[in-house]
């Protein structure tokens, strides 16, 4: 079996090897024949949770993408898809995607009303671009403001409560709007609690990588 190599970019700066490689390991565990090399961008210890942080991260993301060698695909593991278009321009011929556009593409097959659950009071760009406004329900717990907040019991419980609120508002599927939610493995628990399909951005990224692998 030909190995398909993905260069995966984390937009959260971390020295914790478990956190750093969590997305790559999730993809490799679920999609055979894919190997993932992970790098994180520098000086972004809170990840991306504002337009300003997103703008600051994009040049770092592009430089990190250019530092990979011999990869078949590049994934920016962030629901905002920061730098995806810029990398496509810089590295033509290499498939590039992010957690946002892949998550939305899957979510839209599960229902008309899409609950977008994340850590910002606005939907990431791909969600706003791809989901008509009348089909989107936005959810963010007040106590969750960055990826780091997701790693607490309080943050996790707040996400569950917000998922239930989205269901009450009419959501038929929940599209997670932060890849940090994949880091803490919340999708399955959220599905069981809320009773709706939940789209995990990292699994979505991996599925699109697997498609690129089998069509290669």
C-alpha atoms as a PDB file:
ATOM      1  CA  UNK A   1       0.000   0.000   0.000  1.00  0.00           C
ATOM      2  CA  UNK A   2       1.377   3.378  -1.034  1.00  0.00           C
ATOM      3  CA  UNK A   3       1.787   5.706   1.910  1.00  0.00           C
ATOM      4  CA  UNK A   4       0.180   9.117   1.487  1.00  0.00           C
ATOM      5  CA  UNK A   5       2.044  11.773   3.481  1.00  0.00           C
ATOM      6  CA  UNK A   6       0.241  14.772   4.933  1.00  0.00           C
ATOM      7  CA  UNK A   7       1.940  17.862   6.315  1.00  0.00           C
ATOM      8  CA  UNK A   8      -0.336  19.076   9.106  1.00  0.00           C
ATOM      9  CA  UNK A   9      -0.066  22.565  10.592  1.00  0.00           C
ATOM     10  CA  UNK A  10      -1.236  23.310  14.128  1.00  0.00           C
ATOM     11  CA  UNK A  11      -2.050  26.963  14.748  1.00  0.00           C
ATOM     12  CA  UNK A  12      -1.652  26.537  18.496  1.00  0.00           C
ATOM     13  CA  UNK A  13       1.964  26.835  19.612  1.00  0.00           C
ATOM     14  CA  UNK A  14       2.755  24.083  22.101  1.00  0.00           C
ATOM     15  CA  UNK A  15       5.737  22.216  23.514  1.00  0.00           C
ATOM     16  CA  UNK A  16       3.445  19.422  24.720  1.00  0.00           C
ATOM     17  CA  UNK A  17       4.115  16.549  22.316  1.00  0.00           C
ATOM     18  CA  UNK A  18       0.802  14.858  23.146  1.00  0.00           C
ATOM     19  CA  UNK A  19      -1.189  17.965  22.248  1.00  0.00           C
ATOM     20  CA  UNK A  20       0.971  18.709  19.208  1.00  0.00           C
ATOM     21  CA  UNK A  21       0.499  15.300  17.607  1.00  0.00           C
ATOM     22  CA  UNK A  22      -3.097  14.642  18.693  1.00  0.00           C
ATOM     23  CA  UNK A  23      -4.662  15.668  15.373  1.00  0.00           C
ATOM     24  CA  UNK A  24      -2.195  13.681  13.286  1.00  0.00           C
ATOM     25  CA  UNK A  25      -2.686  10.581  15.432  1.00  0.00           C
ATOM     26  CA  UNK A  26      -6.469  10.880  15.117  1.00  0.00           C
ATOM     27  CA  UNK A  27      -6.198  11.002  11.333  1.00  0.00           C
ATOM     28  CA  UNK A  28      -3.731   8.106  11.133  1.00  0.00           C
ATOM     29  CA  UNK A  29      -5.867   5.993  13.474  1.00  0.00           C
ATOM     30  CA  UNK A  30      -8.977   6.414  11.340  1.00  0.00           C
ATOM     31  CA  UNK A  31      -7.614   6.495   7.795  1.00  0.00           C
ATOM     32  CA  UNK A  32      -5.258   3.685   6.739  1.00  0.00           C
ATOM     33  CA  UNK A  33      -2.320   4.387   4.475  1.00  0.00           C
ATOM     34  CA  UNK A  34      -1.938   7.997   5.623  1.00  0.00           C
ATOM     35  CA  UNK A  35       1.058   9.236   7.575  1.00  0.00           C
ATOM     36  CA  UNK A  36       1.090  12.698   9.132  1.00  0.00           C
ATOM     37  CA  UNK A  37       3.996  15.002   9.884  1.00  0.00           C
ATOM     38  CA  UNK A  38       2.897  17.763  12.265  1.00  0.00           C
ATOM     39  CA  UNK A  39       4.399  21.198  12.837  1.00  0.00           C
ATOM     40  CA  UNK A  40       3.052  24.114  14.858  1.00  0.00           C
ATOM     41  CA  UNK A  41       3.515  27.774  14.106  1.00  0.00           C
ATOM     42  CA  UNK A  42       5.605  29.919  16.497  1.00  0.00           C
ATOM     43  CA  UNK A  43       4.421  32.445  19.088  1.00  0.00           C
ATOM     44  CA  UNK A  44       0.715  31.631  18.969  1.00  0.00           C
ATOM     45  CA  UNK A  45       0.164  30.151  22.432  1.00  0.00           C
ATOM     46  CA  UNK A  46      -3.565  30.923  22.504  1.00  0.00           C
ATOM     47  CA  UNK A  47      -4.160  29.646  18.992  1.00  0.00           C
ATOM     48  CA  UNK A  48      -6.640  31.647  16.918  1.00  0.00           C
ATOM     49  CA  UNK A  49      -9.760  33.081  18.521  1.00  0.00           C
ATOM     50  CA  UNK A  50     -10.013  36.551  16.974  1.00  0.00           C
ATOM     51  CA  UNK A  51      -9.598  38.167  13.539  1.00  0.00           C
ATOM     52  CA  UNK A  52      -6.426  39.862  14.789  1.00  0.00           C
ATOM     53  CA  UNK A  53      -4.834  36.582  15.858  1.00  0.00           C
ATOM     54  CA  UNK A  54      -5.876  35.042  12.544  1.00  0.00           C
ATOM     55  CA  UNK A  55      -4.187  37.836  10.581  1.00  0.00           C
ATOM     56  CA  UNK A  56      -1.018  37.483  12.651  1.00  0.00           C
ATOM     57  CA  UNK A  57      -0.950  33.723  12.094  1.00  0.00           C
ATOM     58  CA  UNK A  58      -1.307  33.614   8.308  1.00  0.00           C
ATOM     59  CA  UNK A  59       2.314  34.502   7.369  1.00  0.00           C
ATOM     60  CA  UNK A  60       3.576  31.967   9.917  1.00  0.00           C
ATOM     61  CA  UNK A  61       1.265  29.311   8.501  1.00  0.00           C
ATOM     62  CA  UNK A  62       2.468  29.909   4.951  1.00  0.00           C
ATOM     63  CA  UNK A  63       6.123  29.707   5.998  1.00  0.00           C
ATOM     64  CA  UNK A  64       5.451  26.518   7.933  1.00  0.00           C
ATOM     65  CA  UNK A  65       3.737  24.990   4.895  1.00  0.00           C
ATOM     66  CA  UNK A  66       6.779  25.804   2.750  1.00  0.00           C
ATOM     67  CA  UNK A  67       9.043  24.037   5.262  1.00  0.00           C
ATOM     68  CA  UNK A  68       7.556  20.596   4.589  1.00  0.00           C
ATOM     69  CA  UNK A  69       9.354  18.303   2.157  1.00  0.00           C
ATOM     70  CA  UNK A  70       7.951  15.395   0.156  1.00  0.00           C
ATOM     71  CA  UNK A  71       4.354  15.745   1.300  1.00  0.00           C
ATOM     72  CA  UNK A  72       1.352  14.789  -0.816  1.00  0.00           C
ATOM     73  CA  UNK A  73      -1.041  17.202   0.856  1.00  0.00           C
ATOM     74  CA  UNK A  74      -1.105  20.031   3.393  1.00  0.00           C
ATOM     75  CA  UNK A  75      -3.769  20.482   6.060  1.00  0.00           C
ATOM     76  CA  UNK A  76      -4.150  23.623   8.146  1.00  0.00           C
ATOM     77  CA  UNK A  77      -5.789  22.103  11.191  1.00  0.00           C
ATOM     78  CA  UNK A  78      -7.964  25.050  12.133  1.00  0.00           C
ATOM     79  CA  UNK A  79     -11.656  25.710  11.520  1.00  0.00           C
ATOM     80  CA  UNK A  80     -10.873  29.229  10.300  1.00  0.00           C
ATOM     81  CA  UNK A  81      -8.856  27.798   7.366  1.00  0.00           C
ATOM     82  CA  UNK A  82      -6.213  30.513   7.894  1.00  0.00           C
ATOM     83  CA  UNK A  83      -3.609  30.595   5.161  1.00  0.00           C
ATOM     84  CA  UNK A  84      -5.283  27.914   3.043  1.00  0.00           C
ATOM     85  CA  UNK A  85      -5.802  30.172   0.024  1.00  0.00           C
ATOM     86  CA  UNK A  86      -2.340  31.709   0.448  1.00  0.00           C
ATOM     87  CA  UNK A  87      -0.677  28.275   0.552  1.00  0.00           C
ATOM     88  CA  UNK A  88      -2.573  27.224  -2.568  1.00  0.00           C
ATOM     89  CA  UNK A  89      -1.091  30.217  -4.371  1.00  0.00           C
ATOM     90  CA  UNK A  90       2.413  29.593  -3.018  1.00  0.00           C
ATOM     91  CA  UNK A  91       2.436  25.826  -3.563  1.00  0.00           C
ATOM     92  CA  UNK A  92       0.386  25.075  -6.679  1.00  0.00           C
ATOM     93  CA  UNK A  93      -0.032  21.401  -7.446  1.00  0.00           C
ATOM     94  CA  UNK A  94      -0.276  20.278  -3.815  1.00  0.00           C
ATOM     95  CA  UNK A  95      -3.773  19.711  -2.407  1.00  0.00           C
ATOM     96  CA  UNK A  96      -4.413  22.049   0.525  1.00  0.00           C
ATOM     97  CA  UNK A  97      -7.403  22.176   2.850  1.00  0.00           C
ATOM     98  CA  UNK A  98      -8.418  23.140   6.365  1.00  0.00           C
ATOM     99  CA  UNK A  99     -10.820  22.191   9.104  1.00  0.00           C
ATOM    100  CA  UNK A 100     -13.462  24.724   8.102  1.00  0.00           C
ATOM    101  CA  UNK A 101     -14.357  23.891   4.516  1.00  0.00           C
ATOM    102  CA  UNK A 102     -14.129  20.141   5.155  1.00  0.00           C
ATOM    103  CA  UNK A 103     -16.421  20.295   8.197  1.00  0.00           C
ATOM    104  CA  UNK A 104     -19.044  22.384   6.437  1.00  0.00           C
ATOM    105  CA  UNK A 105     -19.039  20.133   3.368  1.00  0.00           C
ATOM    106  CA  UNK A 106     -19.899  17.146   5.553  1.00  0.00           C
ATOM    107  CA  UNK A 107     -22.364  18.961   7.805  1.00  0.00           C
ATOM    108  CA  UNK A 108     -24.495  20.150   4.914  1.00  0.00           C
ATOM    109  CA  UNK A 109     -25.443  16.573   4.005  1.00  0.00           C
ATOM    110  CA  UNK A 110     -26.993  15.967   7.429  1.00  0.00           C
ATOM    111  CA  UNK A 111     -29.618  18.669   7.654  1.00  0.00           C
ATOM    112  CA  UNK A 112     -31.000  22.040   6.666  1.00  0.00           C
ATOM    113  CA  UNK A 113     -30.314  23.763   9.992  1.00  0.00           C
ATOM    114  CA  UNK A 114     -26.652  23.616  10.983  1.00  0.00           C
ATOM    115  CA  UNK A 115     -25.552  24.395  14.517  1.00  0.00           C
ATOM    116  CA  UNK A 116     -22.069  25.928  14.485  1.00  0.00           C
ATOM    117  CA  UNK A 117     -20.433  25.345  17.867  1.00  0.00           C
ATOM    118  CA  UNK A 118     -17.080  26.933  18.645  1.00  0.00           C
ATOM    119  CA  UNK A 119     -15.041  29.349  20.735  1.00  0.00           C
ATOM    120  CA  UNK A 120     -15.757  32.654  18.959  1.00  0.00           C
ATOM    121  CA  UNK A 121     -18.869  34.814  18.776  1.00  0.00           C
ATOM    122  CA  UNK A 122     -18.652  34.706  14.986  1.00  0.00           C
ATOM    123  CA  UNK A 123     -18.621  31.773  12.588  1.00  0.00           C
ATOM    124  CA  UNK A 124     -15.299  31.004  10.884  1.00  0.00           C
ATOM    125  CA  UNK A 125     -14.932  32.244   7.327  1.00  0.00           C
ATOM    126  CA  UNK A 126     -15.655  28.958   5.534  1.00  0.00           C
ATOM    127  CA  UNK A 127     -18.850  28.496   7.545  1.00  0.00           C
ATOM    128  CA  UNK A 128     -20.057  31.991   6.612  1.00  0.00           C
ATOM    129  CA  UNK A 129     -19.051  31.475   2.982  1.00  0.00           C
ATOM    130  CA  UNK A 130     -20.628  28.052   2.542  1.00  0.00           C
ATOM    131  CA  UNK A 131     -23.676  28.011   4.816  1.00  0.00           C
ATOM    132  CA  UNK A 132     -26.584  30.326   3.904  1.00  0.00           C
ATOM    133  CA  UNK A 133     -27.384  32.633   6.815  1.00  0.00           C
ATOM    134  CA  UNK A 134     -30.918  31.268   7.230  1.00  0.00           C
ATOM    135  CA  UNK A 135     -29.505  27.759   7.729  1.00  0.00           C
ATOM    136  CA  UNK A 136     -26.925  28.625  10.396  1.00  0.00           C
ATOM    137  CA  UNK A 137     -27.357  28.670  14.172  1.00  0.00           C
ATOM    138  CA  UNK A 138     -24.309  29.965  16.041  1.00  0.00           C
ATOM    139  CA  UNK A 139     -23.340  28.768  19.503  1.00  0.00           C
ATOM    140  CA  UNK A 140     -20.544  29.763  21.888  1.00  0.00           C
ATOM    141  CA  UNK A 141     -20.504  29.328  25.689  1.00  0.00           C
ATOM    142  CA  UNK A 142     -19.737  32.564  27.536  1.00  0.00           C
ATOM    143  CA  UNK A 143     -16.997  30.918  29.596  1.00  0.00           C
ATOM    144  CA  UNK A 144     -15.065  29.568  26.594  1.00  0.00           C
ATOM    145  CA  UNK A 145     -12.815  32.066  24.817  1.00  0.00           C
ATOM    146  CA  UNK A 146      -9.782  30.084  23.622  1.00  0.00           C
ATOM    147  CA  UNK A 147      -8.585  26.554  22.915  1.00  0.00           C
ATOM    148  CA  UNK A 148      -7.106  26.428  26.422  1.00  0.00           C
ATOM    149  CA  UNK A 149     -10.563  26.849  27.979  1.00  0.00           C
ATOM    150  CA  UNK A 150     -11.702  23.667  26.249  1.00  0.00           C
ATOM    151  CA  UNK A 151      -9.239  21.647  28.298  1.00  0.00           C
ATOM    152  CA  UNK A 152     -11.118  22.304  31.553  1.00  0.00           C
ATOM    153  CA  UNK A 153     -14.119  20.466  33.021  1.00  0.00           C
ATOM    154  CA  UNK A 154     -16.026  23.755  33.092  1.00  0.00           C
ATOM    155  CA  UNK A 155     -15.363  24.413  29.409  1.00  0.00           C
ATOM    156  CA  UNK A 156     -16.387  20.903  28.432  1.00  0.00           C
ATOM    157  CA  UNK A 157     -19.652  21.068  30.385  1.00  0.00           C
ATOM    158  CA  UNK A 158     -20.426  24.462  28.858  1.00  0.00           C
ATOM    159  CA  UNK A 159     -19.986  23.049  25.370  1.00  0.00           C
ATOM    160  CA  UNK A 160     -22.473  20.259  26.162  1.00  0.00           C
ATOM    161  CA  UNK A 161     -25.026  22.789  27.399  1.00  0.00           C
ATOM    162  CA  UNK A 162     -24.548  24.942  24.304  1.00  0.00           C
ATOM    163  CA  UNK A 163     -25.027  21.909  22.064  1.00  0.00           C
ATOM    164  CA  UNK A 164     -28.361  21.215  23.740  1.00  0.00           C
ATOM    165  CA  UNK A 165     -29.362  24.856  23.265  1.00  0.00           C
ATOM    166  CA  UNK A 166     -28.602  24.630  19.538  1.00  0.00           C
ATOM    167  CA  UNK A 167     -30.784  21.538  19.271  1.00  0.00           C
ATOM    168  CA  UNK A 168     -33.618  23.357  21.034  1.00  0.00           C
ATOM    169  CA  UNK A 169     -33.285  26.148  18.469  1.00  0.00           C
ATOM    170  CA  UNK A 170     -33.784  23.662  15.644  1.00  0.00           C
ATOM    171  CA  UNK A 171     -30.290  22.467  14.688  1.00  0.00           C
ATOM    172  CA  UNK A 172     -30.305  19.123  12.864  1.00  0.00           C
ATOM    173  CA  UNK A 173     -26.522  18.678  12.879  1.00  0.00           C
ATOM    174  CA  UNK A 174     -23.686  20.274  14.825  1.00  0.00           C
ATOM    175  CA  UNK A 175     -20.575  21.418  12.969  1.00  0.00           C
ATOM    176  CA  UNK A 176     -17.761  21.938  15.442  1.00  0.00           C
ATOM    177  CA  UNK A 177     -16.060  25.250  14.692  1.00  0.00           C
ATOM    178  CA  UNK A 178     -12.766  24.689  16.495  1.00  0.00           C
ATOM    179  CA  UNK A 179     -10.253  21.889  15.986  1.00  0.00           C
ATOM    180  CA  UNK A 180      -9.440  22.188  19.696  1.00  0.00           C
ATOM    181  CA  UNK A 181     -12.716  20.356  20.233  1.00  0.00           C
ATOM    182  CA  UNK A 182     -11.147  17.415  18.420  1.00  0.00           C
ATOM    183  CA  UNK A 183      -8.090  17.641  20.679  1.00  0.00           C
ATOM    184  CA  UNK A 184     -10.314  17.005  23.705  1.00  0.00           C
ATOM    185  CA  UNK A 185     -12.309  14.310  21.858  1.00  0.00           C
ATOM    186  CA  UNK A 186     -15.704  15.847  22.524  1.00  0.00           C
ATOM    187  CA  UNK A 187     -17.591  14.845  19.352  1.00  0.00           C
ATOM    188  CA  UNK A 188     -18.788  11.397  20.418  1.00  0.00           C
ATOM    189  CA  UNK A 189     -19.827  12.554  23.898  1.00  0.00           C
ATOM    190  CA  UNK A 190     -21.642  15.520  22.375  1.00  0.00           C
ATOM    191  CA  UNK A 191     -23.484  13.241  19.940  1.00  0.00           C
ATOM    192  CA  UNK A 192     -24.626  11.024  22.808  1.00  0.00           C
ATOM    193  CA  UNK A 193     -25.684  13.994  24.941  1.00  0.00           C
ATOM    194  CA  UNK A 194     -27.447  16.015  22.251  1.00  0.00           C
ATOM    195  CA  UNK A 195     -28.711  13.244  19.983  1.00  0.00           C
ATOM    196  CA  UNK A 196     -27.564  14.894  16.753  1.00  0.00           C
ATOM    197  CA  UNK A 197     -24.784  14.107  14.259  1.00  0.00           C
ATOM    198  CA  UNK A 198     -21.628  16.013  15.225  1.00  0.00           C
ATOM    199  CA  UNK A 199     -18.941  16.764  12.640  1.00  0.00           C
ATOM    200  CA  UNK A 200     -15.423  16.671  14.077  1.00  0.00           C
ATOM    201  CA  UNK A 201     -13.137  18.994  12.048  1.00  0.00           C
ATOM    202  CA  UNK A 202     -10.066  16.761  12.309  1.00  0.00           C
ATOM    203  CA  UNK A 203     -11.982  13.687  11.163  1.00  0.00           C
ATOM    204  CA  UNK A 204     -13.345  15.823   8.311  1.00  0.00           C
ATOM    205  CA  UNK A 205      -9.793  16.849   7.356  1.00  0.00           C
ATOM    206  CA  UNK A 206      -8.712  13.226   7.432  1.00  0.00           C
ATOM    207  CA  UNK A 207     -11.612  12.115   5.261  1.00  0.00           C
ATOM    208  CA  UNK A 208     -10.677  14.638   2.592  1.00  0.00           C
ATOM    209  CA  UNK A 209      -7.040  13.525   2.832  1.00  0.00           C
ATOM    210  CA  UNK A 210      -8.164   9.927   2.360  1.00  0.00           C
ATOM    211  CA  UNK A 211     -10.089  10.933  -0.746  1.00  0.00           C
ATOM    212  CA  UNK A 212      -6.934  12.561  -2.145  1.00  0.00           C
ATOM    213  CA  UNK A 213      -5.015   9.379  -1.342  1.00  0.00           C
ATOM    214  CA  UNK A 214      -7.394   6.996  -3.123  1.00  0.00           C
ATOM    215  CA  UNK A 215      -7.681   9.217  -6.197  1.00  0.00           C
ATOM    216  CA  UNK A 216      -3.890   9.646  -6.411  1.00  0.00           C
END
